[in-house]
Structures are given as C-alpha cells and as structure tokens.
Amino acid sequence: MDKNNQAANNSSVKVNTFIDEKAQQLCYYLRGFWGNQVVYAELELFFWDILEEWSQVDYDLDQPYTDKERAFWHMLHQMHFWDAERLMFDDELVDELQRCATFLEGQGQYPSDCVGIRP
C-alpha cells in the first residue's frame, strides 16, 4: 500500500472514531437540555469544543460520509443554529432532532432529512 492510500485509511479511522465518540456526547447534551439538566450556554460551549477538536482531525476532503456522520453534523448544526426556545419548544424541530439522536444511538433508521456536512 502506498503512503497516500495508507494516509487515507488512517484518516478514515480517525473521522469514524471522532464521530462515534462525539455523537454519544451530542445526544447526551441535547437530551439533557430537553430534560432541563443542561443549560443552553453549555450546548454552545459544547458546539465550539466540537469544532476545536474537529480542527485537529486529519481527513481527506474526498473521503465519503457515513450516514452516522451526516446525522451528527446535521444535528450539531441545528443545535447551534436555533435559539434555546426553538430547540426546546418547536415540536417539529425537536422531533427531527430526536430521530437523529435515536439513529446516532443505534436504535433507529437514518432520517432522510439529515443533510449534515463537515465544517
């Protein structure tokens, strides 16, 4: 295997490992927010922490997305885009994010409306 292919394979593992770890945390934070155990400011801090950690992940721009990665980025973007009131009380948005969370937790099907992309 040449160095380019080896580097692509190594970055693939790093991306998948990152998504697996952070997806669990993302679900925890959002479910905590909905359960009044996590304040909105913590969601924002978590968002920025994720981006900082992502900046250290080595990946190839041509590397394909998994459904899990798409759901993760979609959910993270939505969490940051909407304000606290909308995240808590917009039934349609909450339902969409709960479907994403259920999928990320390995218990549901990939939500067709997840269009997440890497930052």
C-alpha atoms as a PDB file:
ATOM      1  CA  MET A   1       0.000   0.000   0.000  1.00  0.00           C
ATOM      2  CA  ASP A   2       1.455   3.386  -0.921  1.00  0.00           C
ATOM      3  CA  LYS A   3       1.703   6.309   1.506  1.00  0.00           C
ATOM      4  CA  ASN A   4      -1.293   8.157   0.029  1.00  0.00           C
ATOM      5  CA  ASN A   5      -3.631   5.177   0.438  1.00  0.00           C
ATOM      6  CA  GLN A   6      -2.262   4.480   3.900  1.00  0.00           C
ATOM      7  CA  ALA A   7      -2.871   8.113   4.947  1.00  0.00           C
ATOM      8  CA  ALA A   8      -6.444   7.987   3.617  1.00  0.00           C
ATOM      9  CA  ASN A   9      -7.129   4.781   5.543  1.00  0.00           C
ATOM     10  CA  ASN A  10      -5.702   6.267   8.746  1.00  0.00           C
ATOM     11  CA  SER A  11      -7.807   9.420   8.417  1.00  0.00           C
ATOM     12  CA  SER A  12     -10.922   7.327   7.810  1.00  0.00           C
ATOM     13  CA  VAL A  13     -10.451   5.635  11.158  1.00  0.00           C
ATOM     14  CA  LYS A  14      -9.876   8.978  12.846  1.00  0.00           C
ATOM     15  CA  VAL A  15     -13.054  10.503  11.403  1.00  0.00           C
ATOM     16  CA  ASN A  16     -15.183   7.491  12.313  1.00  0.00           C
ATOM     17  CA  THR A  17     -13.707   7.313  15.799  1.00  0.00           C
ATOM     18  CA  PHE A  18     -14.329  11.028  16.309  1.00  0.00           C
ATOM     19  CA  ILE A  19     -17.931  10.780  15.117  1.00  0.00           C
ATOM     20  CA  ASP A  20     -18.631   7.683  17.243  1.00  0.00           C
ATOM     21  CA  GLU A  21     -17.319   9.366  20.391  1.00  0.00           C
ATOM     22  CA  LYS A  22     -18.820  12.800  19.835  1.00  0.00           C
ATOM     23  CA  ALA A  23     -22.204  11.503  18.638  1.00  0.00           C
ATOM     24  CA  GLN A  24     -22.777   9.934  22.039  1.00  0.00           C
ATOM     25  CA  GLN A  25     -21.858  13.199  23.743  1.00  0.00           C
ATOM     26  CA  LEU A  26     -24.075  15.229  21.409  1.00  0.00           C
ATOM     27  CA  CYS A  27     -27.070  13.046  22.203  1.00  0.00           C
ATOM     28  CA  TYR A  28     -26.312  13.296  25.912  1.00  0.00           C
ATOM     29  CA  TYR A  29     -26.158  17.098  25.811  1.00  0.00           C
ATOM     30  CA  LEU A  30     -29.335  17.556  23.783  1.00  0.00           C
ATOM     31  CA  ARG A  31     -31.319  15.065  25.806  1.00  0.00           C
ATOM     32  CA  GLY A  32     -30.008  16.776  28.950  1.00  0.00           C
ATOM     33  CA  PHE A  33     -31.170  20.119  27.575  1.00  0.00           C
ATOM     34  CA  TRP A  34     -34.646  18.761  26.847  1.00  0.00           C
ATOM     35  CA  GLY A  35     -34.721  17.309  30.371  1.00  0.00           C
ATOM     36  CA  ASN A  36     -33.707  20.657  31.928  1.00  0.00           C
ATOM     37  CA  GLN A  37     -30.404  19.208  33.139  1.00  0.00           C
ATOM     38  CA  VAL A  38     -28.178  21.119  30.695  1.00  0.00           C
ATOM     39  CA  VAL A  39     -28.491  24.868  30.097  1.00  0.00           C
ATOM     40  CA  TYR A  40     -28.367  26.343  26.616  1.00  0.00           C
ATOM     41  CA  ALA A  41     -24.992  28.001  27.302  1.00  0.00           C
ATOM     42  CA  GLU A  42     -23.493  24.531  27.801  1.00  0.00           C
ATOM     43  CA  LEU A  43     -24.800  23.482  24.385  1.00  0.00           C
ATOM     44  CA  GLU A  44     -22.999  26.439  22.854  1.00  0.00           C
ATOM     45  CA  LEU A  45     -19.758  25.612  24.674  1.00  0.00           C
ATOM     46  CA  PHE A  46     -20.051  22.006  23.557  1.00  0.00           C
ATOM     47  CA  PHE A  47     -20.543  23.154  19.947  1.00  0.00           C
ATOM     48  CA  TRP A  48     -17.349  25.218  20.000  1.00  0.00           C
ATOM     49  CA  ASP A  49     -15.423  22.417  21.733  1.00  0.00           C
ATOM     50  CA  ILE A  50     -16.500  20.028  18.966  1.00  0.00           C
ATOM     51  CA  LEU A  51     -15.292  22.410  16.263  1.00  0.00           C
ATOM     52  CA  GLU A  52     -11.978  22.902  18.033  1.00  0.00           C
ATOM     53  CA  GLU A  53     -11.453  19.156  18.340  1.00  0.00           C
ATOM     54  CA  TRP A  54     -12.593  18.602  14.733  1.00  0.00           C
ATOM     55  CA  SER A  55      -9.917  21.031  13.540  1.00  0.00           C
ATOM     56  CA  GLN A  56      -7.354  18.519  14.790  1.00  0.00           C
ATOM     57  CA  VAL A  57      -8.843  15.559  12.903  1.00  0.00           C
ATOM     58  CA  ASP A  58      -6.851  14.587   9.846  1.00  0.00           C
ATOM     59  CA  TYR A  59      -9.143  13.682   6.955  1.00  0.00           C
ATOM     60  CA  ASP A  60      -9.214  13.662   3.174  1.00  0.00           C
ATOM     61  CA  LEU A  61     -11.688  16.032   1.510  1.00  0.00           C
ATOM     62  CA  ASP A  62     -12.680  13.219  -0.880  1.00  0.00           C
ATOM     63  CA  GLN A  63     -13.438  10.826   1.962  1.00  0.00           C
ATOM     64  CA  PRO A  64     -17.086   9.757   1.759  1.00  0.00           C
ATOM     65  CA  TYR A  65     -19.526  10.431   4.575  1.00  0.00           C
ATOM     66  CA  THR A  66     -21.265   7.720   6.530  1.00  0.00           C
ATOM     67  CA  ASP A  67     -24.946   8.151   7.373  1.00  0.00           C
ATOM     68  CA  LYS A  68     -23.908   8.474  11.008  1.00  0.00           C
ATOM     69  CA  GLU A  69     -21.550  11.335  10.192  1.00  0.00           C
ATOM     70  CA  ARG A  70     -24.236  13.139   8.158  1.00  0.00           C
ATOM     71  CA  ALA A  71     -26.736  12.800  11.019  1.00  0.00           C
ATOM     72  CA  PHE A  72     -24.121  14.020  13.501  1.00  0.00           C
ATOM     73  CA  TRP A  73     -23.222  17.193  11.567  1.00  0.00           C
ATOM     74  CA  HIS A  74     -26.887  17.896  10.839  1.00  0.00           C
ATOM     75  CA  MET A  75     -27.818  17.607  14.493  1.00  0.00           C
ATOM     76  CA  LEU A  76     -24.840  19.695  15.638  1.00  0.00           C
ATOM     77  CA  HIS A  77     -25.625  22.435  13.124  1.00  0.00           C
ATOM     78  CA  GLN A  78     -29.295  22.550  14.110  1.00  0.00           C
ATOM     79  CA  MET A  79     -28.381  22.688  17.793  1.00  0.00           C
ATOM     80  CA  HIS A  80     -26.187  25.738  17.149  1.00  0.00           C
ATOM     81  CA  PHE A  81     -28.428  27.466  14.591  1.00  0.00           C
ATOM     82  CA  TRP A  82     -31.646  27.608  16.612  1.00  0.00           C
ATOM     83  CA  ASP A  83     -32.139  29.529  19.841  1.00  0.00           C
ATOM     84  CA  ALA A  84     -32.959  27.881  23.166  1.00  0.00           C
ATOM     85  CA  GLU A  85     -36.703  28.457  22.940  1.00  0.00           C
ATOM     86  CA  ARG A  86     -36.974  26.923  19.484  1.00  0.00           C
ATOM     87  CA  LEU A  87     -34.810  23.937  20.471  1.00  0.00           C
ATOM     88  CA  MET A  88     -36.998  23.303  23.479  1.00  0.00           C
ATOM     89  CA  PHE A  89     -40.496  24.035  22.220  1.00  0.00           C
ATOM     90  CA  ASP A  90     -40.646  23.662  18.422  1.00  0.00           C
ATOM     91  CA  ASP A  91     -42.292  20.240  18.165  1.00  0.00           C
ATOM     92  CA  GLU A  92     -41.234  19.679  14.559  1.00  0.00           C
ATOM     93  CA  LEU A  93     -37.592  20.568  15.268  1.00  0.00           C
ATOM     94  CA  VAL A  94     -37.480  18.520  18.469  1.00  0.00           C
ATOM     95  CA  ASP A  95     -38.987  15.533  16.645  1.00  0.00           C
ATOM     96  CA  GLU A  96     -36.395  15.854  13.860  1.00  0.00           C
ATOM     97  CA  LEU A  97     -33.520  16.046  16.335  1.00  0.00           C
ATOM     98  CA  GLN A  98     -34.874  13.162  18.394  1.00  0.00           C
ATOM     99  CA  ARG A  99     -34.980  10.992  15.256  1.00  0.00           C
ATOM    100  CA  CYS A 100     -31.354  11.931  14.585  1.00  0.00           C
ATOM    101  CA  ALA A 101     -30.388  11.160  18.186  1.00  0.00           C
ATOM    102  CA  THR A 102     -32.148   7.803  18.102  1.00  0.00           C
ATOM    103  CA  PHE A 103     -30.276   6.935  14.905  1.00  0.00           C
ATOM    104  CA  LEU A 104     -26.937   8.073  16.351  1.00  0.00           C
ATOM    105  CA  GLU A 105     -27.599   5.881  19.372  1.00  0.00           C
ATOM    106  CA  GLY A 106     -28.054   2.901  17.056  1.00  0.00           C
ATOM    107  CA  GLN A 107     -31.765   2.438  17.634  1.00  0.00           C
ATOM    108  CA  GLY A 108     -33.440   3.898  14.582  1.00  0.00           C
ATOM    109  CA  GLN A 109     -33.212   4.316  10.853  1.00  0.00           C
ATOM    110  CA  TYR A 110     -31.321   7.092   9.125  1.00  0.00           C
ATOM    111  CA  PRO A 111     -33.605  10.150   8.961  1.00  0.00           C
ATOM    112  CA  SER A 112     -33.911  11.136   5.320  1.00  0.00           C
ATOM    113  CA  ASP A 113     -33.949  14.842   6.158  1.00  0.00           C
ATOM    114  CA  CYS A 114     -30.415  14.843   7.618  1.00  0.00           C
ATOM    115  CA  VAL A 115     -28.191  16.859   5.313  1.00  0.00           C
ATOM    116  CA  GLY A 116     -25.178  17.441   7.532  1.00  0.00           C
ATOM    117  CA  ILE A 117     -21.807  18.279   6.053  1.00  0.00           C
ATOM    118  CA  ARG A 118     -18.379  18.719   7.582  1.00  0.00           C
ATOM    119  CA  PRO A 119     -17.412  22.216   8.668  1.00  0.00           C
END
